[in-house]
Amino acid sequence: MGGFTLLELMVVVAIVGILAAVAVPAYTDYVMRGHLVDGSNALSSLRVRMEQHYQDHRTYETVSAIPATSPCENSSTAGLFTISCTTLTASTWVAEAQGSGAVSGFTYTIDQDGVMATTALPTSWGTAATGCWIQRKGTSC
């Protein structure tokens, strides 16, 4: 009769445990990076809509005479991010994507000049930076 000894089974369990200890954190980071794209895509899309609005009306603000509502007037959601404008004047705007749930702690911004910034992120991912949206653990601008 053939079979496995208890020692052989324990070795297999130990190997599976080691593989799981390496694979689970890597997979978790991979899934998180997939969610982060929602925020950056939404901000890029909002930037295009804001520039189209400015080109049509020569202001970023809502034009009540036409009526033409500024894309920045209403907040929206994109995946786990809430997209809103923190500043809106006739010649300037700043939009923000603030994460919730699995991406809580991440905040990205963009302004009328296209300046991207990561204004907040979990400390395990690095530090806030201006000039890019940090979307990979341990990277910087």
C-alpha atoms as a PDB file:
ATOM      1  CA  MET A   1       0.000   0.000   0.000  1.00  0.00           C
ATOM      2  CA  GLY A   2       1.289   3.364  -0.980  1.00  0.00           C
ATOM      3  CA  GLY A   3       0.476   6.586   0.757  1.00  0.00           C
ATOM      4  CA  PHE A   4       1.881   9.780   2.136  1.00  0.00           C
ATOM      5  CA  THR A   5       3.499  10.116   5.498  1.00  0.00           C
ATOM      6  CA  LEU A   6       2.543  12.872   7.887  1.00  0.00           C
ATOM      7  CA  LEU A   7       5.944  14.487   7.324  1.00  0.00           C
ATOM      8  CA  GLU A   8       5.403  14.655   3.544  1.00  0.00           C
ATOM      9  CA  LEU A   9       1.976  16.231   4.018  1.00  0.00           C
ATOM     10  CA  MET A  10       3.404  18.804   6.446  1.00  0.00           C
ATOM     11  CA  VAL A  11       6.111  19.740   3.916  1.00  0.00           C
ATOM     12  CA  VAL A  12       3.443  20.298   1.236  1.00  0.00           C
ATOM     13  CA  VAL A  13       1.353  22.416   3.635  1.00  0.00           C
ATOM     14  CA  ALA A  14       4.423  24.506   4.522  1.00  0.00           C
ATOM     15  CA  ILE A  15       5.233  25.093   0.841  1.00  0.00           C
ATOM     16  CA  VAL A  16       1.636  26.119   0.079  1.00  0.00           C
ATOM     17  CA  GLY A  17       1.707  28.470   3.074  1.00  0.00           C
ATOM     18  CA  ILE A  18       4.907  30.143   1.887  1.00  0.00           C
ATOM     19  CA  LEU A  19       3.529  30.562  -1.631  1.00  0.00           C
ATOM     20  CA  ALA A  20       0.299  32.047  -0.255  1.00  0.00           C
ATOM     21  CA  ALA A  21       2.251  34.463   1.961  1.00  0.00           C
ATOM     22  CA  VAL A  22       3.987  35.836  -1.134  1.00  0.00           C
ATOM     23  CA  ALA A  23       1.101  35.691  -3.604  1.00  0.00           C
ATOM     24  CA  VAL A  24      -1.734  37.225  -1.543  1.00  0.00           C
ATOM     25  CA  PRO A  25      -0.069  40.637  -0.903  1.00  0.00           C
ATOM     26  CA  ALA A  26       1.037  40.863  -4.537  1.00  0.00           C
ATOM     27  CA  TYR A  27      -2.483  40.082  -5.726  1.00  0.00           C
ATOM     28  CA  THR A  28      -3.980  42.618  -3.294  1.00  0.00           C
ATOM     29  CA  ASP A  29      -1.696  45.360  -4.661  1.00  0.00           C
ATOM     30  CA  TYR A  30      -2.577  44.338  -8.211  1.00  0.00           C
ATOM     31  CA  VAL A  31      -6.319  44.628  -7.504  1.00  0.00           C
ATOM     32  CA  MET A  32      -5.799  48.011  -5.791  1.00  0.00           C
ATOM     33  CA  ARG A  33      -3.896  49.353  -8.818  1.00  0.00           C
ATOM     34  CA  GLY A  34      -6.856  48.300 -10.957  1.00  0.00           C
ATOM     35  CA  HIS A  35      -9.169  50.451  -8.821  1.00  0.00           C
ATOM     36  CA  LEU A  36      -6.796  53.446  -8.906  1.00  0.00           C
ATOM     37  CA  VAL A  37      -7.180  53.722 -12.674  1.00  0.00           C
ATOM     38  CA  ASP A  38     -10.851  54.688 -12.184  1.00  0.00           C
ATOM     39  CA  GLY A  39      -9.863  57.913 -10.421  1.00  0.00           C
ATOM     40  CA  SER A  40      -7.204  58.958 -12.921  1.00  0.00           C
ATOM     41  CA  ASN A  41      -9.423  58.158 -15.919  1.00  0.00           C
ATOM     42  CA  ALA A  42     -12.296  60.185 -14.454  1.00  0.00           C
ATOM     43  CA  LEU A  43     -10.040  63.201 -13.818  1.00  0.00           C
ATOM     44  CA  SER A  44      -8.618  63.016 -17.342  1.00  0.00           C
ATOM     45  CA  SER A  45     -12.126  62.856 -18.788  1.00  0.00           C
ATOM     46  CA  LEU A  46     -13.254  65.795 -16.644  1.00  0.00           C
ATOM     47  CA  ARG A  47     -10.275  67.830 -17.838  1.00  0.00           C
ATOM     48  CA  VAL A  48     -11.288  67.292 -21.468  1.00  0.00           C
ATOM     49  CA  ARG A  49     -14.901  68.302 -20.721  1.00  0.00           C
ATOM     50  CA  MET A  50     -13.732  71.414 -18.838  1.00  0.00           C
ATOM     51  CA  GLU A  51     -11.543  72.502 -21.746  1.00  0.00           C
ATOM     52  CA  GLN A  52     -14.409  71.954 -24.188  1.00  0.00           C
ATOM     53  CA  HIS A  53     -16.650  74.075 -21.953  1.00  0.00           C
ATOM     54  CA  TYR A  54     -14.004  76.819 -21.795  1.00  0.00           C
ATOM     55  CA  GLN A  55     -13.502  76.742 -25.558  1.00  0.00           C
ATOM     56  CA  ASP A  56     -17.251  77.119 -26.140  1.00  0.00           C
ATOM     57  CA  HIS A  57     -17.955  79.767 -23.459  1.00  0.00           C
ATOM     58  CA  ARG A  58     -14.612  81.381 -22.540  1.00  0.00           C
ATOM     59  CA  THR A  59     -15.195  80.558 -18.876  1.00  0.00           C
ATOM     60  CA  TYR A  60     -14.949  77.466 -16.718  1.00  0.00           C
ATOM     61  CA  GLU A  61     -17.987  78.529 -14.707  1.00  0.00           C
ATOM     62  CA  THR A  62     -21.613  77.853 -15.526  1.00  0.00           C
ATOM     63  CA  VAL A  63     -23.061  80.294 -18.054  1.00  0.00           C
ATOM     64  CA  SER A  64     -26.617  80.975 -16.914  1.00  0.00           C
ATOM     65  CA  ALA A  65     -27.649  83.050 -19.945  1.00  0.00           C
ATOM     66  CA  ILE A  66     -27.366  80.114 -22.357  1.00  0.00           C
ATOM     67  CA  PRO A  67     -27.727  77.858 -20.059  1.00  0.00           C
ATOM     68  CA  ALA A  68     -24.498  75.905 -20.097  1.00  0.00           C
ATOM     69  CA  THR A  69     -23.617  74.049 -16.934  1.00  0.00           C
ATOM     70  CA  SER A  70     -19.953  73.639 -16.143  1.00  0.00           C
ATOM     71  CA  PRO A  71     -18.855  69.998 -15.905  1.00  0.00           C
ATOM     72  CA  CYS A  72     -17.411  70.931 -12.504  1.00  0.00           C
ATOM     73  CA  GLU A  73     -20.776  71.894 -11.006  1.00  0.00           C
ATOM     74  CA  ASN A  74     -21.805  68.386 -10.012  1.00  0.00           C
ATOM     75  CA  SER A  75     -19.804  65.729  -8.240  1.00  0.00           C
ATOM     76  CA  SER A  76     -19.820  62.207  -9.613  1.00  0.00           C
ATOM     77  CA  THR A  77     -18.432  58.784  -8.848  1.00  0.00           C
ATOM     78  CA  ALA A  78     -16.044  56.618 -10.794  1.00  0.00           C
ATOM     79  CA  GLY A  79     -15.564  53.197  -9.311  1.00  0.00           C
ATOM     80  CA  LEU A  80     -14.539  53.790  -5.706  1.00  0.00           C
ATOM     81  CA  PHE A  81     -13.683  57.474  -6.268  1.00  0.00           C
ATOM     82  CA  THR A  82     -15.787  60.593  -5.750  1.00  0.00           C
ATOM     83  CA  ILE A  83     -14.952  63.222  -8.355  1.00  0.00           C
ATOM     84  CA  SER A  84     -15.553  66.884  -7.469  1.00  0.00           C
ATOM     85  CA  CYS A  85     -14.116  70.326  -8.040  1.00  0.00           C
ATOM     86  CA  THR A  86     -12.503  72.018  -5.074  1.00  0.00           C
ATOM     87  CA  THR A  87     -11.883  75.304  -6.911  1.00  0.00           C
ATOM     88  CA  LEU A  88     -13.937  76.811  -9.731  1.00  0.00           C
ATOM     89  CA  THR A  89     -13.562  80.342 -11.090  1.00  0.00           C
ATOM     90  CA  ALA A  90     -13.874  81.851 -14.549  1.00  0.00           C
ATOM     91  CA  SER A  91     -10.216  81.126 -15.331  1.00  0.00           C
ATOM     92  CA  THR A  92      -9.167  78.352 -12.939  1.00  0.00           C
ATOM     93  CA  TRP A  93     -10.365  75.039 -11.574  1.00  0.00           C
ATOM     94  CA  VAL A  94      -9.050  72.159  -9.519  1.00  0.00           C
ATOM     95  CA  ALA A  95     -10.700  68.755  -9.619  1.00  0.00           C
ATOM     96  CA  GLU A  96     -10.197  66.062  -7.023  1.00  0.00           C
ATOM     97  CA  ALA A  97     -10.706  62.294  -6.983  1.00  0.00           C
ATOM     98  CA  GLN A  98     -11.061  61.056  -3.422  1.00  0.00           C
ATOM     99  CA  GLY A  99     -11.000  57.330  -2.784  1.00  0.00           C
ATOM    100  CA  SER A 100     -13.250  55.309  -0.515  1.00  0.00           C
ATOM    101  CA  GLY A 101     -13.530  51.676   0.463  1.00  0.00           C
ATOM    102  CA  ALA A 102     -10.564  49.666  -0.806  1.00  0.00           C
ATOM    103  CA  VAL A 103      -8.854  52.851  -2.081  1.00  0.00           C
ATOM    104  CA  SER A 104      -9.550  54.944   0.999  1.00  0.00           C
ATOM    105  CA  GLY A 105      -6.666  57.312   1.638  1.00  0.00           C
ATOM    106  CA  PHE A 106      -5.921  58.008  -2.027  1.00  0.00           C
ATOM    107  CA  THR A 107      -6.609  61.518  -3.346  1.00  0.00           C
ATOM    108  CA  TYR A 108      -5.623  62.756  -6.789  1.00  0.00           C
ATOM    109  CA  THR A 109      -6.024  66.252  -8.270  1.00  0.00           C
ATOM    110  CA  ILE A 110      -5.675  67.998 -11.617  1.00  0.00           C
ATOM    111  CA  ASP A 111      -6.030  71.664 -12.546  1.00  0.00           C
ATOM    112  CA  GLN A 112      -6.689  73.800 -15.616  1.00  0.00           C
ATOM    113  CA  ASP A 113      -3.016  73.634 -16.604  1.00  0.00           C
ATOM    114  CA  GLY A 114      -2.983  69.837 -16.481  1.00  0.00           C
ATOM    115  CA  VAL A 115      -0.855  69.720 -13.336  1.00  0.00           C
ATOM    116  CA  MET A 116      -1.477  66.340 -11.734  1.00  0.00           C
ATOM    117  CA  ALA A 117      -0.857  65.702  -8.054  1.00  0.00           C
ATOM    118  CA  THR A 118      -1.206  62.886  -5.581  1.00  0.00           C
ATOM    119  CA  THR A 119      -2.276  64.829  -2.507  1.00  0.00           C
ATOM    120  CA  ALA A 120      -2.830  61.827  -0.239  1.00  0.00           C
ATOM    121  CA  LEU A 121      -2.044  58.132  -0.226  1.00  0.00           C
ATOM    122  CA  PRO A 122      -1.496  55.459   2.418  1.00  0.00           C
ATOM    123  CA  THR A 123       1.907  55.714   4.086  1.00  0.00           C
ATOM    124  CA  SER A 124       2.794  52.181   2.982  1.00  0.00           C
ATOM    125  CA  TRP A 125       2.557  53.379  -0.629  1.00  0.00           C
ATOM    126  CA  GLY A 126       4.912  56.358  -0.247  1.00  0.00           C
ATOM    127  CA  THR A 127       4.488  60.102   0.115  1.00  0.00           C
ATOM    128  CA  ALA A 128       2.284  62.648  -1.630  1.00  0.00           C
ATOM    129  CA  ALA A 129       3.759  64.221  -4.755  1.00  0.00           C
ATOM    130  CA  THR A 130       3.099  66.900  -7.359  1.00  0.00           C
ATOM    131  CA  GLY A 131       3.588  66.158 -11.042  1.00  0.00           C
ATOM    132  CA  CYS A 132       2.002  62.727 -11.325  1.00  0.00           C
ATOM    133  CA  TRP A 133      -0.589  60.335  -9.974  1.00  0.00           C
ATOM    134  CA  ILE A 134       1.162  57.643  -7.979  1.00  0.00           C
ATOM    135  CA  GLN A 135      -0.443  54.345  -8.937  1.00  0.00           C
ATOM    136  CA  ARG A 136       2.210  51.845  -7.971  1.00  0.00           C
ATOM    137  CA  LYS A 137       3.471  51.103  -4.480  1.00  0.00           C
ATOM    138  CA  GLY A 138       6.852  52.684  -3.747  1.00  0.00           C
ATOM    139  CA  THR A 139       7.009  54.928  -6.833  1.00  0.00           C
ATOM    140  CA  SER A 140       7.392  58.691  -6.962  1.00  0.00           C
ATOM    141  CA  CYS A 141       7.248  61.448  -9.560  1.00  0.00           C
END
